[in-house]
Amino acid sequence: MTGNGFLGCANRWQRVRQFENGMSISQAEFREAMGNFATGVTVITVDHAGEVHGMTANAFTSVSLDPLLVLVCVDHRARTHGHLHAKKRFGVNVLAENQRAISEYYARAAPTHQRAEQEAGARFDRTIHGTPVLHGALAYLECRLHSAQDAGDHTIFLAAVEDVVVRKGDPLLYFRGKYRQIGIPSE
């Protein structure tokens, strides 16, 4: 290798050895590493006093098929955090590739989301339990809180899935700090 390539690789392996010897990494380095994991994008929705509250989340995954369980990780400072604890029921809306504006809207820290339709085009229906369902989402999961576990500056909310709606389309993706779309399928 010539130029920066070899030195960059050597420096990274030096960091690996330092980590193995108990030296810590910075939050920025951790964030950069995690940014290399491509994810889908969801909006977590909850009803609070008749108003839709939500937050963009990509720390979401399935946990179990029997019983049907998912988890979402939520920052303790997020407004939605308290609503999830209080309501114990929420929706997970998997965003379609044309819903970037909705993701950006719900990623903002705001006291309310009363202008979601005007600013981002977000419209909602309600389930029989009153949980908000985002129009146009690729998938919707209605969830009932099973348990919550503090983990550093976040809480891991583990939830039972009670209903699912799936639609056709391509997902909105997030990779290295940018929104992406699915490319050409690989063989």
N, C-alpha and C. Protein backbone atom coordinates (compact mmCIF):
# COMPACT_ATOMS: atom_id res chain seq x y z
N MET A 1 0.84 -1.18 0.00
CA MET A 1 0.00 0.00 0.00
C MET A 1 0.88 1.23 0.00
N THR A 2 0.35 2.27 -0.59
CA THR A 2 1.11 3.51 -0.63
C THR A 2 0.32 4.61 0.05
N GLY A 3 1.00 5.67 0.34
CA GLY A 3 0.34 6.85 0.88
C GLY A 3 -0.33 6.59 2.21
N ASN A 4 -1.51 7.15 2.37
CA ASN A 4 -2.25 7.13 3.62
C ASN A 4 -2.86 5.78 3.96
N GLY A 5 -3.13 4.93 2.96
CA GLY A 5 -3.83 3.68 3.18
C GLY A 5 -3.20 2.81 4.24
N PHE A 6 -1.89 2.54 4.10
CA PHE A 6 -1.22 1.67 5.06
C PHE A 6 -1.17 2.28 6.44
N LEU A 7 -0.83 3.56 6.52
CA LEU A 7 -0.76 4.22 7.82
C LEU A 7 -2.12 4.28 8.48
N GLY A 8 -3.16 4.55 7.68
CA GLY A 8 -4.51 4.59 8.24
C GLY A 8 -4.89 3.23 8.82
N CYS A 9 -4.55 2.17 8.09
CA CYS A 9 -4.85 0.81 8.53
C CYS A 9 -4.03 0.49 9.79
N ALA A 10 -2.76 0.85 9.78
CA ALA A 10 -1.89 0.59 10.94
C ALA A 10 -2.40 1.33 12.16
N ASN A 11 -2.82 2.60 11.97
CA ASN A 11 -3.34 3.37 13.10
C ASN A 11 -4.60 2.74 13.66
N ARG A 12 -5.47 2.24 12.79
CA ARG A 12 -6.70 1.61 13.26
C ARG A 12 -6.40 0.33 14.04
N TRP A 13 -5.44 -0.47 13.55
CA TRP A 13 -5.09 -1.70 14.28
C TRP A 13 -4.43 -1.36 15.60
N GLN A 14 -3.69 -0.26 15.64
CA GLN A 14 -3.11 0.18 16.91
C GLN A 14 -4.24 0.50 17.89
N ARG A 15 -5.30 1.15 17.39
CA ARG A 15 -6.46 1.47 18.23
C ARG A 15 -7.13 0.19 18.73
N VAL A 16 -7.21 -0.84 17.88
CA VAL A 16 -7.79 -2.11 18.29
C VAL A 16 -6.97 -2.71 19.43
N ARG A 17 -5.64 -2.68 19.27
CA ARG A 17 -4.78 -3.22 20.33
C ARG A 17 -4.93 -2.40 21.62
N GLN A 18 -5.05 -1.08 21.50
CA GLN A 18 -5.24 -0.25 22.68
C GLN A 18 -6.55 -0.61 23.37
N PHE A 19 -7.60 -0.83 22.59
CA PHE A 19 -8.90 -1.19 23.14
C PHE A 19 -8.80 -2.53 23.88
N GLU A 20 -8.12 -3.49 23.26
CA GLU A 20 -7.96 -4.80 23.89
C GLU A 20 -7.18 -4.70 25.19
N ASN A 21 -6.34 -3.70 25.32
CA ASN A 21 -5.56 -3.49 26.54
C ASN A 21 -6.28 -2.61 27.54
N GLY A 22 -7.56 -2.35 27.33
CA GLY A 22 -8.35 -1.61 28.31
C GLY A 22 -8.46 -0.12 28.06
N MET A 23 -7.90 0.40 26.97
CA MET A 23 -8.01 1.81 26.69
C MET A 23 -9.35 2.07 26.03
N SER A 24 -9.98 3.16 26.36
CA SER A 24 -11.32 3.44 25.85
C SER A 24 -11.28 4.20 24.53
N ILE A 25 -12.41 4.18 23.86
CA ILE A 25 -12.60 4.94 22.62
C ILE A 25 -13.46 6.14 22.93
N SER A 26 -13.41 7.12 22.08
CA SER A 26 -14.21 8.33 22.29
C SER A 26 -15.64 8.10 21.80
N GLN A 27 -16.55 8.92 22.25
CA GLN A 27 -17.94 8.86 21.77
C GLN A 27 -18.00 9.12 20.28
N ALA A 28 -17.16 10.02 19.79
CA ALA A 28 -17.14 10.33 18.35
C ALA A 28 -16.71 9.11 17.54
N GLU A 29 -15.70 8.39 18.01
CA GLU A 29 -15.26 7.19 17.31
C GLU A 29 -16.34 6.10 17.33
N PHE A 30 -17.00 5.96 18.47
CA PHE A 30 -18.07 4.98 18.58
C PHE A 30 -19.21 5.33 17.63
N ARG A 31 -19.57 6.61 17.61
CA ARG A 31 -20.64 7.09 16.72
C ARG A 31 -20.29 6.83 15.26
N GLU A 32 -19.03 7.09 14.89
CA GLU A 32 -18.59 6.85 13.52
C GLU A 32 -18.68 5.37 13.17
N ALA A 33 -18.24 4.52 14.07
CA ALA A 33 -18.30 3.07 13.83
C ALA A 33 -19.74 2.62 13.67
N MET A 34 -20.64 3.08 14.53
CA MET A 34 -22.05 2.67 14.45
C MET A 34 -22.72 3.22 13.21
N GLY A 35 -22.23 4.33 12.70
CA GLY A 35 -22.77 4.90 11.46
C GLY A 35 -22.54 4.03 10.25
N ASN A 36 -21.63 3.08 10.37
CA ASN A 36 -21.37 2.14 9.28
C ASN A 36 -22.38 0.98 9.25
N PHE A 37 -23.28 0.95 10.19
CA PHE A 37 -24.33 -0.07 10.21
C PHE A 37 -25.57 0.56 9.58
N ALA A 38 -25.89 0.15 8.37
CA ALA A 38 -27.07 0.69 7.68
C ALA A 38 -28.33 0.22 8.39
N THR A 39 -29.27 1.13 8.56
CA THR A 39 -30.53 0.77 9.23
C THR A 39 -31.72 1.29 8.44
N GLY A 40 -32.85 0.72 8.74
CA GLY A 40 -34.11 1.30 8.32
C GLY A 40 -34.41 2.46 9.25
N VAL A 41 -35.47 3.18 8.96
CA VAL A 41 -35.86 4.32 9.78
C VAL A 41 -37.31 4.13 10.21
N THR A 42 -37.57 4.34 11.49
CA THR A 42 -38.93 4.23 12.01
C THR A 42 -39.33 5.52 12.69
N VAL A 43 -40.63 5.70 12.83
CA VAL A 43 -41.17 6.74 13.71
C VAL A 43 -42.00 6.00 14.75
N ILE A 44 -41.63 6.21 16.01
CA ILE A 44 -42.36 5.63 17.13
C ILE A 44 -43.46 6.62 17.48
N THR A 45 -44.72 6.15 17.53
CA THR A 45 -45.85 7.04 17.80
C THR A 45 -46.58 6.60 19.06
N VAL A 46 -47.07 7.59 19.77
CA VAL A 46 -47.84 7.33 20.98
C VAL A 46 -48.89 8.42 21.11
N ASP A 47 -50.05 8.05 21.63
CA ASP A 47 -51.09 9.03 21.91
C ASP A 47 -50.89 9.55 23.32
N HIS A 48 -50.91 10.87 23.46
CA HIS A 48 -50.84 11.48 24.79
C HIS A 48 -51.86 12.60 24.83
N ALA A 49 -52.89 12.40 25.61
CA ALA A 49 -53.97 13.38 25.77
C ALA A 49 -54.59 13.75 24.41
N GLY A 50 -54.77 12.76 23.55
CA GLY A 50 -55.41 12.98 22.27
C GLY A 50 -54.51 13.55 21.19
N GLU A 51 -53.25 13.78 21.51
CA GLU A 51 -52.30 14.34 20.55
C GLU A 51 -51.28 13.27 20.16
N VAL A 52 -50.87 13.28 18.88
CA VAL A 52 -49.84 12.35 18.41
C VAL A 52 -48.48 12.88 18.83
N HIS A 53 -47.76 12.06 19.55
CA HIS A 53 -46.36 12.34 19.87
C HIS A 53 -45.53 11.28 19.18
N GLY A 54 -44.35 11.66 18.74
CA GLY A 54 -43.52 10.70 18.04
C GLY A 54 -42.06 11.08 18.06
N MET A 55 -41.27 10.12 17.62
CA MET A 55 -39.83 10.34 17.52
C MET A 55 -39.27 9.41 16.45
N THR A 56 -38.26 9.89 15.74
CA THR A 56 -37.56 9.07 14.77
C THR A 56 -36.61 8.15 15.52
N ALA A 57 -36.59 6.88 15.10
CA ALA A 57 -35.71 5.91 15.77
C ALA A 57 -35.17 4.92 14.75
N ASN A 58 -33.88 4.66 14.83
CA ASN A 58 -33.32 3.57 14.04
C ASN A 58 -32.73 2.50 14.93
N ALA A 59 -32.76 2.70 16.24
CA ALA A 59 -32.35 1.68 17.20
C ALA A 59 -33.58 0.83 17.53
N PHE A 60 -34.00 0.06 16.56
CA PHE A 60 -35.20 -0.77 16.63
C PHE A 60 -34.88 -2.13 16.02
N THR A 61 -35.38 -3.20 16.64
CA THR A 61 -35.14 -4.53 16.08
C THR A 61 -36.16 -5.53 16.60
N SER A 62 -36.29 -6.62 15.85
CA SER A 62 -37.10 -7.74 16.34
C SER A 62 -36.29 -8.48 17.40
N VAL A 63 -36.98 -9.11 18.33
CA VAL A 63 -36.32 -9.83 19.41
C VAL A 63 -36.71 -11.31 19.39
N SER A 64 -38.01 -11.59 19.20
CA SER A 64 -38.48 -12.96 19.33
C SER A 64 -39.69 -13.20 18.44
N LEU A 65 -39.79 -14.44 17.92
CA LEU A 65 -40.99 -14.85 17.18
C LEU A 65 -42.01 -15.53 18.08
N ASP A 66 -41.57 -16.04 19.22
CA ASP A 66 -42.49 -16.72 20.14
C ASP A 66 -42.08 -16.43 21.57
N PRO A 67 -42.67 -15.42 22.21
CA PRO A 67 -43.74 -14.56 21.70
C PRO A 67 -43.18 -13.49 20.76
N LEU A 68 -44.07 -12.80 20.05
CA LEU A 68 -43.66 -11.73 19.14
C LEU A 68 -43.21 -10.53 19.96
N LEU A 69 -41.91 -10.23 19.91
CA LEU A 69 -41.34 -9.12 20.68
C LEU A 69 -40.41 -8.29 19.81
N VAL A 70 -40.41 -6.97 20.06
CA VAL A 70 -39.48 -6.03 19.44
C VAL A 70 -38.89 -5.16 20.54
N LEU A 71 -37.85 -4.42 20.18
CA LEU A 71 -37.32 -3.44 21.13
C LEU A 71 -36.99 -2.16 20.40
N VAL A 72 -37.06 -1.08 21.14
CA VAL A 72 -36.63 0.22 20.66
C VAL A 72 -35.86 0.89 21.80
N CYS A 73 -34.77 1.56 21.45
CA CYS A 73 -33.95 2.26 22.44
C CYS A 73 -34.25 3.76 22.34
N VAL A 74 -34.53 4.37 23.49
CA VAL A 74 -34.93 5.78 23.53
C VAL A 74 -34.07 6.53 24.55
N ASP A 75 -33.53 7.66 24.11
CA ASP A 75 -32.74 8.53 24.97
C ASP A 75 -33.60 9.01 26.14
N HIS A 76 -33.01 9.02 27.33
CA HIS A 76 -33.74 9.48 28.52
C HIS A 76 -34.26 10.90 28.38
N ARG A 77 -33.57 11.73 27.59
CA ARG A 77 -33.97 13.13 27.44
C ARG A 77 -35.09 13.33 26.43
N ALA A 78 -35.40 12.31 25.65
CA ALA A 78 -36.43 12.45 24.61
C ALA A 78 -37.81 12.65 25.26
N ARG A 79 -38.56 13.54 24.70
CA ARG A 79 -39.91 13.84 25.19
C ARG A 79 -40.77 12.59 25.16
N THR A 80 -40.59 11.76 24.13
CA THR A 80 -41.40 10.55 23.97
C THR A 80 -41.08 9.52 25.05
N HIS A 81 -39.92 9.58 25.64
CA HIS A 81 -39.51 8.62 26.67
C HIS A 81 -40.56 8.50 27.78
N GLY A 82 -40.95 9.61 28.34
CA GLY A 82 -41.94 9.61 29.42
C GLY A 82 -43.30 9.13 28.96
N HIS A 83 -43.68 9.46 27.74
CA HIS A 83 -44.97 9.02 27.20
C HIS A 83 -45.03 7.51 27.04
N LEU A 84 -43.92 6.89 26.64
CA LEU A 84 -43.89 5.44 26.49
C LEU A 84 -44.06 4.75 27.84
N HIS A 85 -43.39 5.28 28.85
CA HIS A 85 -43.56 4.73 30.20
C HIS A 85 -45.00 4.87 30.68
N ALA A 86 -45.59 6.04 30.46
CA ALA A 86 -46.93 6.33 30.97
C ALA A 86 -48.02 5.58 30.21
N LYS A 87 -47.95 5.58 28.90
CA LYS A 87 -49.03 5.02 28.08
C LYS A 87 -48.93 3.50 27.97
N LYS A 88 -47.73 2.97 27.93
CA LYS A 88 -47.49 1.52 27.83
C LYS A 88 -47.98 0.90 26.52
N ARG A 89 -48.28 1.72 25.54
CA ARG A 89 -48.72 1.26 24.22
C ARG A 89 -48.20 2.26 23.20
N PHE A 90 -47.63 1.72 22.11
CA PHE A 90 -47.08 2.62 21.08
C PHE A 90 -47.08 1.92 19.74
N GLY A 91 -46.85 2.71 18.69
CA GLY A 91 -46.76 2.18 17.34
C GLY A 91 -45.36 2.34 16.80
N VAL A 92 -44.96 1.40 15.95
CA VAL A 92 -43.70 1.50 15.23
C VAL A 92 -44.06 1.58 13.76
N ASN A 93 -43.71 2.67 13.11
CA ASN A 93 -44.00 2.91 11.70
C ASN A 93 -42.69 2.84 10.92
N VAL A 94 -42.55 1.83 10.05
CA VAL A 94 -41.35 1.67 9.23
C VAL A 94 -41.51 2.56 8.00
N LEU A 95 -40.62 3.54 7.86
CA LEU A 95 -40.79 4.56 6.83
C LEU A 95 -40.43 4.08 5.42
N ALA A 96 -41.22 4.56 4.47
CA ALA A 96 -40.97 4.32 3.04
C ALA A 96 -39.96 5.34 2.55
N GLU A 97 -39.35 5.05 1.40
CA GLU A 97 -38.28 5.89 0.87
C GLU A 97 -38.72 7.34 0.61
N ASN A 98 -40.01 7.59 0.44
CA ASN A 98 -40.50 8.95 0.18
C ASN A 98 -40.91 9.68 1.46
N GLN A 99 -40.56 9.15 2.63
CA GLN A 99 -40.97 9.76 3.89
C GLN A 99 -39.82 10.40 4.67
N ARG A 100 -38.82 10.84 3.97
CA ARG A 100 -37.68 11.49 4.62
C ARG A 100 -38.10 12.73 5.42
N ALA A 101 -38.97 13.54 4.86
CA ALA A 101 -39.41 14.77 5.56
C ALA A 101 -40.07 14.42 6.90
N ILE A 102 -40.78 13.32 6.94
CA ILE A 102 -41.43 12.88 8.19
C ILE A 102 -40.36 12.46 9.20
N SER A 103 -39.36 11.73 8.74
CA SER A 103 -38.25 11.34 9.61
C SER A 103 -37.56 12.57 10.20
N GLU A 104 -37.26 13.52 9.34
CA GLU A 104 -36.57 14.74 9.80
C GLU A 104 -37.44 15.53 10.78
N TYR A 105 -38.73 15.58 10.52
CA TYR A 105 -39.65 16.32 11.40
C TYR A 105 -39.65 15.71 12.80
N TYR A 106 -39.77 14.39 12.88
CA TYR A 106 -39.84 13.73 14.19
C TYR A 106 -38.48 13.54 14.84
N ALA A 107 -37.41 13.84 14.13
CA ALA A 107 -36.07 13.80 14.72
C ALA A 107 -35.76 15.08 15.50
N ARG A 108 -36.53 16.13 15.24
CA ARG A 108 -36.31 17.41 15.93
C ARG A 108 -36.84 17.36 17.36
N ALA A 109 -36.12 18.02 18.23
CA ALA A 109 -36.61 18.17 19.60
C ALA A 109 -37.63 19.31 19.59
N ALA A 110 -38.87 18.97 19.91
CA ALA A 110 -39.94 19.98 19.92
C ALA A 110 -40.92 19.64 21.02
N PRO A 111 -41.51 20.65 21.66
CA PRO A 111 -42.46 20.36 22.74
C PRO A 111 -43.73 19.64 22.24
N THR A 112 -44.14 19.93 21.01
CA THR A 112 -45.31 19.26 20.44
C THR A 112 -45.05 19.00 18.95
N HIS A 113 -45.90 18.19 18.38
CA HIS A 113 -45.81 17.90 16.95
C HIS A 113 -47.14 18.22 16.29
N GLN A 114 -47.70 19.37 16.62
CA GLN A 114 -49.01 19.75 16.11
C GLN A 114 -49.00 20.13 14.63
N ARG A 115 -47.84 20.37 14.05
CA ARG A 115 -47.78 20.80 12.64
C ARG A 115 -47.19 19.72 11.73
N ALA A 116 -47.29 18.47 12.15
CA ALA A 116 -46.69 17.36 11.40
C ALA A 116 -47.25 17.26 9.98
N GLU A 117 -48.56 17.45 9.83
CA GLU A 117 -49.15 17.34 8.49
C GLU A 117 -48.74 18.52 7.62
N GLN A 118 -48.79 19.73 8.17
CA GLN A 118 -48.45 20.92 7.39
C GLN A 118 -46.97 20.96 7.01
N GLU A 119 -46.09 20.58 7.93
CA GLU A 119 -44.66 20.71 7.69
C GLU A 119 -44.02 19.50 7.02
N ALA A 120 -44.57 18.29 7.28
CA ALA A 120 -43.91 17.09 6.77
C ALA A 120 -44.83 16.15 6.00
N GLY A 121 -46.11 16.47 5.96
CA GLY A 121 -47.05 15.60 5.26
C GLY A 121 -47.46 14.37 6.04
N ALA A 122 -47.22 14.36 7.35
CA ALA A 122 -47.57 13.21 8.19
C ALA A 122 -49.04 13.25 8.55
N ARG A 123 -49.75 12.20 8.17
CA ARG A 123 -51.16 12.05 8.54
C ARG A 123 -51.32 10.72 9.24
N PHE A 124 -52.27 10.67 10.16
CA PHE A 124 -52.42 9.49 11.00
C PHE A 124 -53.86 9.01 11.08
N ASP A 125 -54.02 7.70 11.18
CA ASP A 125 -55.27 7.06 11.60
C ASP A 125 -55.04 6.59 13.01
N ARG A 126 -56.06 6.03 13.62
CA ARG A 126 -55.94 5.47 14.98
C ARG A 126 -56.38 4.02 14.98
N THR A 127 -55.69 3.23 15.79
CA THR A 127 -56.12 1.84 15.97
C THR A 127 -57.28 1.82 16.95
N ILE A 128 -57.82 0.65 17.18
CA ILE A 128 -58.91 0.49 18.14
C ILE A 128 -58.48 0.93 19.54
N HIS A 129 -57.16 0.85 19.82
CA HIS A 129 -56.62 1.28 21.13
C HIS A 129 -56.23 2.75 21.14
N GLY A 130 -56.40 3.44 20.01
CA GLY A 130 -56.06 4.86 19.94
C GLY A 130 -54.63 5.15 19.54
N THR A 131 -53.86 4.13 19.21
CA THR A 131 -52.46 4.33 18.83
C THR A 131 -52.37 4.92 17.43
N PRO A 132 -51.59 5.98 17.23
CA PRO A 132 -51.45 6.59 15.90
C PRO A 132 -50.73 5.70 14.89
N VAL A 133 -51.30 5.59 13.69
CA VAL A 133 -50.73 4.83 12.58
C VAL A 133 -50.43 5.81 11.45
N LEU A 134 -49.19 5.88 11.01
CA LEU A 134 -48.76 6.82 9.97
C LEU A 134 -49.19 6.33 8.60
N HIS A 135 -49.88 7.20 7.85
CA HIS A 135 -50.25 6.90 6.46
C HIS A 135 -48.99 6.68 5.64
N GLY A 136 -49.00 5.68 4.78
CA GLY A 136 -47.93 5.46 3.83
C GLY A 136 -46.72 4.72 4.35
N ALA A 137 -46.70 4.37 5.63
CA ALA A 137 -45.56 3.62 6.16
C ALA A 137 -45.53 2.23 5.54
N LEU A 138 -44.34 1.68 5.36
CA LEU A 138 -44.20 0.33 4.78
C LEU A 138 -44.76 -0.73 5.71
N ALA A 139 -44.59 -0.53 6.98
CA ALA A 139 -45.11 -1.47 7.96
C ALA A 139 -45.49 -0.70 9.21
N TYR A 140 -46.48 -1.23 9.89
CA TYR A 140 -46.91 -0.67 11.16
C TYR A 140 -47.02 -1.82 12.16
N LEU A 141 -46.46 -1.62 13.35
CA LEU A 141 -46.58 -2.60 14.41
C LEU A 141 -47.20 -1.93 15.63
N GLU A 142 -48.29 -2.48 16.11
CA GLU A 142 -48.88 -1.97 17.35
C GLU A 142 -48.28 -2.75 18.51
N CYS A 143 -47.73 -2.03 19.47
CA CYS A 143 -46.97 -2.66 20.53
C CYS A 143 -47.50 -2.30 21.91
N ARG A 144 -47.42 -3.28 22.81
CA ARG A 144 -47.76 -3.10 24.22
C ARG A 144 -46.48 -3.30 25.02
N LEU A 145 -46.15 -2.35 25.85
CA LEU A 145 -44.90 -2.41 26.63
C LEU A 145 -44.87 -3.67 27.48
N HIS A 146 -43.79 -4.40 27.35
CA HIS A 146 -43.56 -5.63 28.13
C HIS A 146 -42.66 -5.32 29.32
N SER A 147 -41.55 -4.61 29.05
CA SER A 147 -40.62 -4.23 30.11
C SER A 147 -39.73 -3.10 29.61
N ALA A 148 -39.07 -2.46 30.55
CA ALA A 148 -38.13 -1.38 30.22
C ALA A 148 -36.88 -1.57 31.05
N GLN A 149 -35.73 -1.37 30.42
CA GLN A 149 -34.45 -1.56 31.08
C GLN A 149 -33.55 -0.36 30.80
N ASP A 150 -33.12 0.34 31.84
CA ASP A 150 -32.16 1.42 31.64
C ASP A 150 -30.84 0.85 31.16
N ALA A 151 -30.23 1.53 30.20
CA ALA A 151 -28.95 1.12 29.64
C ALA A 151 -28.18 2.38 29.27
N GLY A 152 -27.31 2.84 30.16
CA GLY A 152 -26.57 4.06 29.93
C GLY A 152 -27.50 5.25 29.85
N ASP A 153 -27.39 6.04 28.77
CA ASP A 153 -28.22 7.23 28.63
C ASP A 153 -29.53 6.95 27.89
N HIS A 154 -29.85 5.67 27.67
CA HIS A 154 -31.07 5.26 26.99
C HIS A 154 -31.86 4.26 27.84
N THR A 155 -33.10 4.05 27.45
CA THR A 155 -33.90 2.96 27.99
C THR A 155 -34.24 2.03 26.84
N ILE A 156 -34.11 0.74 27.09
CA ILE A 156 -34.51 -0.27 26.11
C ILE A 156 -35.95 -0.65 26.44
N PHE A 157 -36.86 -0.32 25.53
CA PHE A 157 -38.27 -0.67 25.70
C PHE A 157 -38.52 -1.96 24.93
N LEU A 158 -38.87 -3.02 25.65
CA LEU A 158 -39.20 -4.31 25.07
C LEU A 158 -40.72 -4.39 25.00
N ALA A 159 -41.25 -4.74 23.83
CA ALA A 159 -42.70 -4.68 23.65
C ALA A 159 -43.23 -5.91 22.92
N ALA A 160 -44.44 -6.31 23.31
CA ALA A 160 -45.17 -7.38 22.63
C ALA A 160 -45.88 -6.76 21.42
N VAL A 161 -45.80 -7.44 20.28
CA VAL A 161 -46.45 -6.96 19.07
C VAL A 161 -47.86 -7.56 19.02
N GLU A 162 -48.87 -6.67 18.94
CA GLU A 162 -50.26 -7.12 18.96
C GLU A 162 -50.94 -7.05 17.61
N ASP A 163 -50.40 -6.25 16.70
CA ASP A 163 -50.98 -6.14 15.36
C ASP A 163 -49.91 -5.66 14.40
N VAL A 164 -50.05 -6.05 13.13
CA VAL A 164 -49.09 -5.68 12.09
C VAL A 164 -49.85 -5.37 10.81
N VAL A 165 -49.42 -4.31 10.12
CA VAL A 165 -49.91 -3.99 8.78
C VAL A 165 -48.67 -3.82 7.91
N VAL A 166 -48.67 -4.47 6.73
CA VAL A 166 -47.52 -4.41 5.82
C VAL A 166 -48.00 -3.94 4.46
N ARG A 167 -47.22 -3.02 3.84
CA ARG A 167 -47.52 -2.51 2.50
C ARG A 167 -46.33 -2.75 1.59
N LYS A 168 -46.54 -2.67 0.30
CA LYS A 168 -45.46 -2.81 -0.68
C LYS A 168 -44.70 -1.49 -0.80
N GLY A 169 -43.43 -1.59 -1.19
CA GLY A 169 -42.61 -0.40 -1.42
C GLY A 169 -41.20 -0.62 -0.94
N ASP A 170 -40.37 0.41 -1.08
CA ASP A 170 -38.98 0.36 -0.64
C ASP A 170 -38.79 1.24 0.59
N PRO A 171 -37.86 0.84 1.47
CA PRO A 171 -37.67 1.56 2.73
C PRO A 171 -36.77 2.79 2.61
N LEU A 172 -36.93 3.68 3.57
CA LEU A 172 -35.97 4.76 3.79
C LEU A 172 -34.84 4.15 4.61
N LEU A 173 -33.61 4.41 4.20
CA LEU A 173 -32.44 3.87 4.90
C LEU A 173 -31.58 5.00 5.46
N TYR A 174 -30.75 4.66 6.45
CA TYR A 174 -29.84 5.62 7.04
C TYR A 174 -28.47 4.97 7.16
N PHE A 175 -27.43 5.64 6.60
CA PHE A 175 -26.08 5.09 6.59
C PHE A 175 -25.08 6.23 6.60
N ARG A 176 -24.12 6.16 7.52
CA ARG A 176 -23.07 7.18 7.65
C ARG A 176 -23.62 8.60 7.71
N GLY A 177 -24.68 8.76 8.51
CA GLY A 177 -25.22 10.09 8.75
C GLY A 177 -26.05 10.67 7.63
N LYS A 178 -26.43 9.84 6.64
CA LYS A 178 -27.21 10.33 5.51
C LYS A 178 -28.34 9.35 5.19
N TYR A 179 -29.40 9.92 4.65
CA TYR A 179 -30.51 9.09 4.18
C TYR A 179 -30.11 8.44 2.87
N ARG A 180 -30.56 7.21 2.68
CA ARG A 180 -30.23 6.46 1.46
C ARG A 180 -31.46 5.73 0.96
N GLN A 181 -31.34 5.22 -0.25
CA GLN A 181 -32.37 4.37 -0.83
C GLN A 181 -31.74 3.07 -1.26
N ILE A 182 -32.55 2.05 -1.40
CA ILE A 182 -32.07 0.76 -1.85
C ILE A 182 -31.55 0.88 -3.27
N GLY A 183 -30.40 0.28 -3.53
CA GLY A 183 -29.81 0.27 -4.86
C GLY A 183 -30.19 -0.97 -5.62
N ILE A 184 -29.38 -1.29 -6.57
CA ILE A 184 -29.60 -2.47 -7.40
C ILE A 184 -29.37 -3.72 -6.54
N PRO A 185 -30.31 -4.66 -6.55
CA PRO A 185 -30.11 -5.88 -5.75
C PRO A 185 -28.85 -6.63 -6.18
N SER A 186 -28.13 -7.17 -5.19
CA SER A 186 -26.94 -7.96 -5.50
C SER A 186 -27.33 -9.42 -5.67
N GLU A 187 -26.52 -10.13 -6.41
CA GLU A 187 -26.80 -11.55 -6.69
C GLU A 187 -26.45 -12.40 -5.49
